Amino acid sequence: MYFKKILWAIALIGLIIAGLFANYIYGVMLDKNTAFNNKEAFIYVPTNGTYADVREQLEPLLKDINKFDALAKQKKYISNIKAGRFVIRKDMNNNDIINSIRSNNLPIQLSFNNQSNLESLASRVSVQIEADSLTLFEAMKDETFLSKNSFSDATALGMYIPNSYEFFWNTSAIEYRDRMLKEYNRFWNDSRKEKAKTIGLTQNEVMTLASIVHEESKQAIEQPRIAGVYLNRLRIGMPLQADPTLKFAAYQLPQYKNTVIKRVLNVHKEIDSPYNTYMYAGLPPGLITMPDISAIDAVLNPEKHKYLYFAADANKLGYHKFATNLSQHNANAREYQRYLSSQGINK
């Protein structure tokens, strides 16, 4: 009889312990454990990241990090860390949090435009994905990659079509570069290739000319007309005489570093550079900036006309006046030069 009482007592204690343990597990798994007021928070787990990296980001977001530790260990998350960008929503419990950061790597919208060179592009991309700017720049400049895909240092920027793309945050530099090559090839569909052939330019030459058109005007409505002027000049062997290429050539020189040229002068026309399109006929060796898509398509779909000249319009800033002969062009140019002088813009 006494022995039975002992067994009942042990069983009762066991049930109590089991109940307490079950209650603890329930609390660990299902009690809300977020400590922030926003609707959601994000953590970024680096490639080859450890549980310590995850824990460091989670601790200020959770009410009880120790309960999270206990469940993470039980669910073997501690030894199975996944890299990426993960969301934690307000009022999530520990189980939901672990499920989210273990299997729900969220993509980001990576965007870029108006980058003047590969270095600035690498810097722009590096603040959006895990890869750092130096690693990105080195991947973009890789000579073997460029040669294999018919690019050079001068034309490499043309591979990056400005737009918004979906990437995972933990994308590497090489993964980013290779993906952008695929996007470039997708952009250059059969229709665009045929149009380039029609105007007698390669894809790299289209991108180079588009970069000049882009620098001449940000107005999509007149970019096809400007493209038409330059194509007319190329057709008859006339130098492009594009002021943006003079600025580009100047900016490569030490004396023009960290300066902004607002007015092209005769001294700029004396710079001996393959980008000086007053001195050298034809297209320069490569891009002077990243052209937007409207400028690229303007080159591929140029306005057909007889204009050979254009000058900035002093009465409609941002736009241009076009001319078929040098006499009319000089008059237009003098009008704009007078405007610059009236504004005190002398260099």
Protein backbone atom coordinates (compact mmCIF):
# COMPACT_ATOMS: atom_id res chain seq x y z
CA MET A 1 0.00 0.00 0.00
CA TYR A 2 2.80 2.33 1.01
CA PHE A 3 4.73 1.39 -2.16
CA LYS A 4 1.70 2.29 -4.34
CA LYS A 5 1.49 5.72 -2.73
CA ILE A 6 5.13 6.31 -3.58
CA LEU A 7 4.50 5.34 -7.21
CA TRP A 8 1.49 7.65 -7.39
CA ALA A 9 3.52 10.46 -5.88
CA ILE A 10 6.34 9.94 -8.41
CA ALA A 11 3.83 9.82 -11.25
CA LEU A 12 2.19 13.03 -10.00
CA ILE A 13 5.53 14.78 -9.72
CA GLY A 14 6.36 13.57 -13.21
CA LEU A 15 3.12 14.98 -14.56
CA ILE A 16 3.75 18.29 -12.85
CA ILE A 17 7.28 18.46 -14.25
CA ALA A 18 6.03 17.48 -17.69
CA GLY A 19 3.33 20.11 -17.47
CA LEU A 20 5.81 22.77 -16.43
CA PHE A 21 8.17 21.74 -19.23
CA ALA A 22 5.32 21.74 -21.76
CA ASN A 23 4.28 25.18 -20.54
CA TYR A 24 7.86 26.39 -20.89
CA ILE A 25 8.14 24.97 -24.41
CA TYR A 26 4.80 26.51 -25.30
CA GLY A 27 6.05 29.84 -24.04
CA VAL A 28 9.36 29.53 -25.86
CA MET A 29 7.67 28.63 -29.13
CA LEU A 30 4.40 30.50 -29.16
CA ASP A 31 4.63 33.56 -26.92
CA LYS A 32 5.06 36.81 -28.84
CA ASN A 33 8.69 37.87 -28.52
CA THR A 34 9.22 41.05 -30.56
CA ALA A 35 10.18 44.32 -28.88
CA PHE A 36 9.85 46.84 -31.69
CA ASN A 37 6.89 49.05 -32.60
CA ASN A 38 7.22 49.13 -36.38
CA LYS A 39 5.28 46.63 -38.47
CA GLU A 40 8.47 44.81 -39.42
CA ALA A 41 12.23 44.76 -39.03
CA PHE A 42 14.95 43.25 -41.19
CA ILE A 43 18.16 41.41 -40.44
CA TYR A 44 20.98 40.83 -42.90
CA VAL A 45 22.91 37.60 -42.48
CA PRO A 46 26.27 37.67 -44.29
CA THR A 47 27.66 34.84 -46.35
CA ASN A 48 29.34 32.37 -43.98
CA GLY A 49 27.65 34.17 -41.11
CA THR A 50 27.46 32.55 -37.66
CA TYR A 51 24.76 32.36 -35.04
CA ALA A 52 26.62 35.11 -33.20
CA ASP A 53 26.06 37.40 -36.21
CA VAL A 54 22.34 36.60 -36.18
CA ARG A 55 22.03 36.93 -32.41
CA GLU A 56 23.73 40.33 -32.39
CA GLN A 57 21.09 41.72 -34.76
CA LEU A 58 18.18 39.96 -33.05
CA GLU A 59 18.92 40.90 -29.46
CA PRO A 60 17.66 44.52 -29.64
CA LEU A 61 14.57 43.33 -31.54
CA LEU A 62 13.42 40.66 -29.06
CA LYS A 63 11.97 40.76 -25.55
CA ASP A 64 13.77 37.60 -24.42
CA ILE A 65 16.84 36.52 -26.41
CA ASN A 66 17.46 33.57 -24.07
CA LYS A 67 14.15 31.93 -24.96
CA PHE A 68 15.00 32.40 -28.62
CA ASP A 69 18.41 30.79 -28.02
CA ALA A 70 16.74 27.75 -26.45
CA LEU A 71 14.41 27.17 -29.39
CA ALA A 72 17.12 27.91 -31.98
CA LYS A 73 19.25 25.20 -30.39
CA GLN A 74 16.36 22.74 -30.23
CA LYS A 75 15.46 23.32 -33.89
CA LYS A 76 19.14 23.06 -34.90
CA TYR A 77 19.10 26.55 -36.42
CA ILE A 78 22.31 27.43 -34.61
CA SER A 79 24.27 25.04 -36.83
CA ASN A 80 22.33 25.76 -40.04
CA ILE A 81 22.61 29.51 -40.66
CA LYS A 82 21.36 30.84 -44.02
CA ALA A 83 22.70 34.03 -45.60
CA GLY A 84 20.30 36.67 -46.86
CA ARG A 85 17.84 39.41 -45.99
CA PHE A 86 15.05 38.31 -43.67
CA VAL A 87 11.96 39.96 -42.22
CA ILE A 88 10.66 39.79 -38.66
CA ARG A 89 7.14 41.08 -38.20
CA LYS A 90 5.73 42.66 -35.08
CA ASP A 91 4.23 40.15 -32.60
CA MET A 92 5.94 37.13 -34.16
CA ASN A 93 6.77 34.27 -31.81
CA ASN A 94 10.14 32.54 -31.70
CA ASN A 95 8.99 29.67 -33.89
CA ASP A 96 7.76 32.08 -36.59
CA ILE A 97 11.00 34.04 -36.38
CA ILE A 98 13.16 30.96 -36.85
CA ASN A 99 11.02 29.76 -39.77
CA SER A 100 11.35 33.16 -41.39
CA ILE A 101 15.12 33.57 -41.06
CA ARG A 102 15.80 29.97 -42.00
CA SER A 103 13.91 29.74 -45.28
CA ASN A 104 12.52 33.09 -46.40
CA ASN A 105 15.37 35.01 -48.01
CA LEU A 106 13.66 38.13 -49.40
CA PRO A 107 14.82 39.74 -52.67
CA ILE A 108 15.53 43.44 -53.00
CA GLN A 109 14.93 45.84 -55.87
CA LEU A 110 18.39 46.92 -56.99
CA SER A 111 18.43 50.05 -59.12
CA PHE A 112 21.03 52.29 -60.73
CA ASN A 113 21.27 55.00 -63.37
CA ASN A 114 23.32 58.08 -64.23
CA GLN A 115 26.62 56.49 -63.21
CA SER A 116 29.59 58.14 -64.89
CA ASN A 117 31.97 55.18 -64.69
CA LEU A 118 32.41 51.64 -63.38
CA GLU A 119 33.82 52.88 -60.08
CA SER A 120 30.75 54.96 -59.29
CA LEU A 121 28.50 52.09 -60.41
CA ALA A 122 30.29 49.69 -58.06
CA SER A 123 29.83 52.17 -55.23
CA ARG A 124 26.12 52.56 -56.00
CA VAL A 125 25.52 48.80 -56.15
CA SER A 126 27.55 48.05 -53.03
CA VAL A 127 25.12 49.92 -50.77
CA GLN A 128 22.31 47.69 -52.00
CA ILE A 129 23.82 44.18 -51.85
CA GLU A 130 26.39 42.37 -49.71
CA ALA A 131 29.29 42.62 -52.17
CA ASP A 132 31.64 45.54 -51.44
CA SER A 133 32.56 48.20 -54.00
CA LEU A 134 36.16 47.05 -54.51
CA THR A 135 35.16 43.45 -55.22
CA LEU A 136 32.43 44.63 -57.58
CA PHE A 137 34.82 46.96 -59.39
CA GLU A 138 37.40 44.19 -59.81
CA ALA A 139 34.75 41.82 -61.21
CA MET A 140 33.54 44.48 -63.66
CA LYS A 141 37.10 45.18 -64.85
CA ASP A 142 38.17 41.56 -65.22
CA GLU A 143 40.05 41.48 -68.54
CA THR A 144 39.27 37.84 -69.30
CA PHE A 145 35.55 38.41 -68.80
CA LEU A 146 35.56 41.60 -70.88
CA SER A 147 37.50 40.07 -73.76
CA LYS A 148 35.35 36.93 -73.80
CA ASN A 149 32.19 39.04 -74.11
CA SER A 150 33.49 41.58 -76.67
CA PHE A 151 34.00 44.48 -74.25
CA SER A 152 37.01 46.61 -73.39
CA ASP A 153 37.79 48.95 -70.48
CA ALA A 154 36.33 51.78 -72.56
CA THR A 155 33.07 50.01 -73.42
CA ALA A 156 32.52 47.93 -70.25
CA LEU A 157 30.10 50.46 -68.72
CA GLY A 158 27.74 49.83 -71.64
CA MET A 159 27.00 46.33 -70.35
CA TYR A 160 25.00 47.77 -67.43
CA ILE A 161 21.56 48.83 -68.63
CA PRO A 162 20.11 51.29 -66.09
CA ASN A 163 16.93 49.92 -64.58
CA SER A 164 15.54 48.22 -61.49
CA TYR A 165 16.33 44.52 -61.02
CA GLU A 166 15.38 41.89 -58.43
CA PHE A 167 18.37 40.44 -56.57
CA PHE A 168 19.00 38.63 -53.32
CA TRP A 169 20.92 40.81 -50.88
CA ASN A 170 23.65 38.18 -50.47
CA THR A 171 24.54 38.30 -54.19
CA SER A 172 28.28 38.13 -54.84
CA ALA A 173 30.17 40.50 -57.14
CA ILE A 174 30.61 37.87 -59.85
CA GLU A 175 26.96 36.81 -59.58
CA TYR A 176 25.92 40.44 -60.00
CA ARG A 177 28.20 40.97 -63.02
CA ASP A 178 27.11 37.74 -64.71
CA ARG A 179 23.45 38.53 -64.15
CA MET A 180 23.90 41.97 -65.71
CA LEU A 181 25.45 40.35 -68.78
CA LYS A 182 22.30 38.26 -69.12
CA GLU A 183 20.17 41.40 -68.78
CA TYR A 184 22.31 43.13 -71.41
CA ASN A 185 21.84 40.24 -73.83
CA ARG A 186 18.12 40.25 -73.10
CA PHE A 187 17.97 44.00 -73.77
CA TRP A 188 19.71 43.50 -77.11
CA ASN A 189 16.87 41.55 -78.68
CA ASP A 190 16.63 40.82 -82.39
CA SER A 191 14.77 44.05 -83.05
CA ARG A 192 17.46 46.25 -81.50
CA LYS A 193 20.23 44.29 -83.19
CA GLU A 194 18.57 44.76 -86.57
CA LYS A 195 18.17 48.50 -85.98
CA ALA A 196 21.86 48.81 -85.05
CA LYS A 197 22.74 47.02 -88.27
CA THR A 198 20.53 49.40 -90.23
CA ILE A 199 22.36 52.49 -88.96
CA GLY A 200 25.73 50.79 -89.43
CA LEU A 201 26.84 50.63 -85.79
CA THR A 202 27.88 47.81 -83.49
CA GLN A 203 26.22 47.41 -80.10
CA ASN A 204 29.22 49.02 -78.39
CA GLU A 205 29.11 51.91 -80.84
CA VAL A 206 25.40 52.41 -80.21
CA MET A 207 26.07 52.58 -76.47
CA THR A 208 28.93 55.04 -77.01
CA LEU A 209 26.84 57.35 -79.16
CA ALA A 210 23.91 57.01 -76.74
CA SER A 211 26.15 58.17 -73.90
CA ILE A 212 26.88 61.36 -75.87
CA VAL A 213 23.20 61.89 -76.68
CA HIS A 214 22.36 61.36 -73.01
CA GLU A 215 24.86 64.02 -71.96
CA GLU A 216 23.60 66.44 -74.59
CA SER A 217 19.97 66.22 -73.51
CA LYS A 218 17.91 64.54 -70.82
CA GLN A 219 14.75 65.37 -72.79
CA ALA A 220 13.56 62.10 -74.28
CA ILE A 221 11.43 63.98 -76.80
CA GLU A 222 14.45 65.53 -78.54
CA GLN A 223 17.02 62.78 -78.09
CA PRO A 224 16.07 61.12 -81.43
CA ARG A 225 16.68 64.44 -83.20
CA ILE A 226 20.10 64.86 -81.58
CA ALA A 227 20.95 61.27 -82.46
CA GLY A 228 19.94 62.07 -86.05
CA VAL A 229 22.39 65.00 -86.13
CA TYR A 230 25.31 62.85 -85.03
CA LEU A 231 24.42 60.05 -87.43
CA ASN A 232 24.22 62.60 -90.26
CA ARG A 233 27.72 63.78 -89.33
CA LEU A 234 29.10 60.25 -89.18
CA ARG A 235 27.54 59.49 -92.54
CA ILE A 236 29.39 62.34 -94.31
CA GLY A 237 32.64 62.00 -92.35
CA MET A 238 32.14 65.22 -90.40
CA PRO A 239 33.64 65.32 -86.88
CA LEU A 240 31.05 64.89 -84.15
CA GLN A 241 32.26 68.03 -82.36
CA ALA A 242 30.37 66.97 -79.24
CA ASP A 243 31.01 69.21 -76.24
CA PRO A 244 30.32 66.45 -73.69
CA THR A 245 33.28 64.47 -75.07
CA LEU A 246 35.53 67.49 -74.51
CA LYS A 247 34.40 67.65 -70.89
CA PHE A 248 35.08 63.94 -70.51
CA ALA A 249 38.57 64.36 -71.95
CA ALA A 250 39.24 67.30 -69.64
CA TYR A 251 38.09 65.43 -66.54
CA GLN A 252 40.78 62.81 -67.17
CA LEU A 253 43.44 65.50 -66.61
CA PRO A 254 44.75 66.38 -63.13
CA GLN A 255 43.96 70.10 -63.46
CA TYR A 256 40.27 69.38 -64.00
CA LYS A 257 39.80 66.90 -61.14
CA ASN A 258 37.00 67.92 -58.76
CA THR A 259 35.86 70.70 -61.08
CA VAL A 260 32.66 71.28 -63.02
CA ILE A 261 32.98 72.65 -66.55
CA LYS A 262 29.90 74.75 -67.27
CA ARG A 263 31.17 76.38 -70.42
CA VAL A 264 33.25 74.68 -73.12
CA LEU A 265 36.10 76.96 -74.24
CA ASN A 266 38.65 76.88 -77.06
CA VAL A 267 41.30 75.65 -74.62
CA HIS A 268 39.27 72.47 -74.16
CA LYS A 269 39.31 71.88 -77.89
CA GLU A 270 43.11 71.70 -77.78
CA ILE A 271 43.19 68.68 -75.43
CA ASP A 272 44.87 65.83 -77.30
CA SER A 273 42.64 62.91 -76.44
CA PRO A 274 40.82 60.27 -78.51
CA TYR A 275 37.70 61.60 -76.78
CA ASN A 276 38.23 65.04 -78.32
CA THR A 277 35.69 64.78 -81.12
CA TYR A 278 36.70 68.21 -82.43
CA MET A 279 40.22 66.92 -83.04
CA TYR A 280 39.43 63.34 -84.08
CA ALA A 281 36.68 62.21 -86.45
CA GLY A 282 34.35 59.32 -85.73
CA LEU A 283 33.17 57.95 -82.43
CA PRO A 284 35.41 58.05 -79.35
CA PRO A 285 36.79 54.74 -77.99
CA GLY A 286 33.96 54.21 -75.53
CA LEU A 287 31.23 55.60 -73.33
CA ILE A 288 31.53 58.93 -71.54
CA THR A 289 28.74 58.05 -69.11
CA MET A 290 25.93 55.56 -68.57
CA PRO A 291 23.15 56.36 -71.07
CA ASP A 292 19.53 55.93 -70.11
CA ILE A 293 17.34 53.60 -72.14
CA SER A 294 15.62 56.50 -73.90
CA ALA A 295 18.98 57.68 -75.28
CA ILE A 296 19.88 54.16 -76.45
CA ASP A 297 16.57 53.77 -78.23
CA ALA A 298 16.94 57.29 -79.65
CA VAL A 299 20.11 56.20 -81.41
CA LEU A 300 18.38 53.07 -82.68
CA ASN A 301 15.33 55.06 -83.79
CA PRO A 302 16.82 58.39 -84.92
CA GLU A 303 14.75 61.16 -86.39
CA LYS A 304 15.38 61.44 -90.12
CA HIS A 305 16.20 65.04 -91.05
CA LYS A 306 18.90 67.21 -92.64
CA TYR A 307 20.16 68.94 -89.51
CA LEU A 308 23.92 68.99 -89.00
CA TYR A 309 24.10 71.38 -86.05
CA PHE A 310 22.41 72.19 -82.77
CA ALA A 311 23.00 74.60 -79.91
CA ALA A 312 21.42 75.01 -76.49
CA ASP A 313 18.29 77.16 -76.53
CA ALA A 314 18.69 80.21 -74.29
CA ASN A 315 14.94 80.76 -74.28
CA LYS A 316 14.01 77.17 -73.43
CA LEU A 317 16.65 75.79 -71.13
CA GLY A 318 17.22 72.07 -71.41
CA TYR A 319 16.31 72.07 -75.09
CA HIS A 320 18.17 72.93 -78.30
CA LYS A 321 17.88 74.85 -81.55
CA PHE A 322 18.75 72.91 -84.70
CA ALA A 323 20.22 74.14 -87.96
CA THR A 324 21.03 72.74 -91.39
CA ASN A 325 23.82 75.22 -92.13
CA LEU A 326 26.75 76.71 -90.26
CA SER A 327 25.55 80.31 -90.59
CA GLN A 328 22.28 79.63 -88.75
CA HIS A 329 24.10 77.49 -86.20
CA ASN A 330 26.60 80.24 -85.41
CA ALA A 331 23.73 82.63 -84.80
CA ASN A 332 22.09 80.14 -82.43
CA ALA A 333 25.39 79.51 -80.67
CA ARG A 334 26.14 83.22 -80.21
CA GLU A 335 22.72 83.69 -78.64
CA TYR A 336 23.44 80.99 -76.08
CA GLN A 337 26.96 82.28 -75.42
CA ARG A 338 25.48 85.72 -74.65
CA TYR A 339 23.10 84.06 -72.21
CA LEU A 340 25.98 82.29 -70.43
CA SER A 341 27.90 85.56 -70.18
CA SER A 342 24.84 87.32 -68.76
CA GLN A 343 24.70 84.67 -66.04
CA GLY A 344 28.38 85.12 -65.19
CA ILE A 345 29.26 81.64 -66.45
CA ASN A 346 32.74 82.01 -67.89
CA LYS A 347 34.23 78.53 -67.43
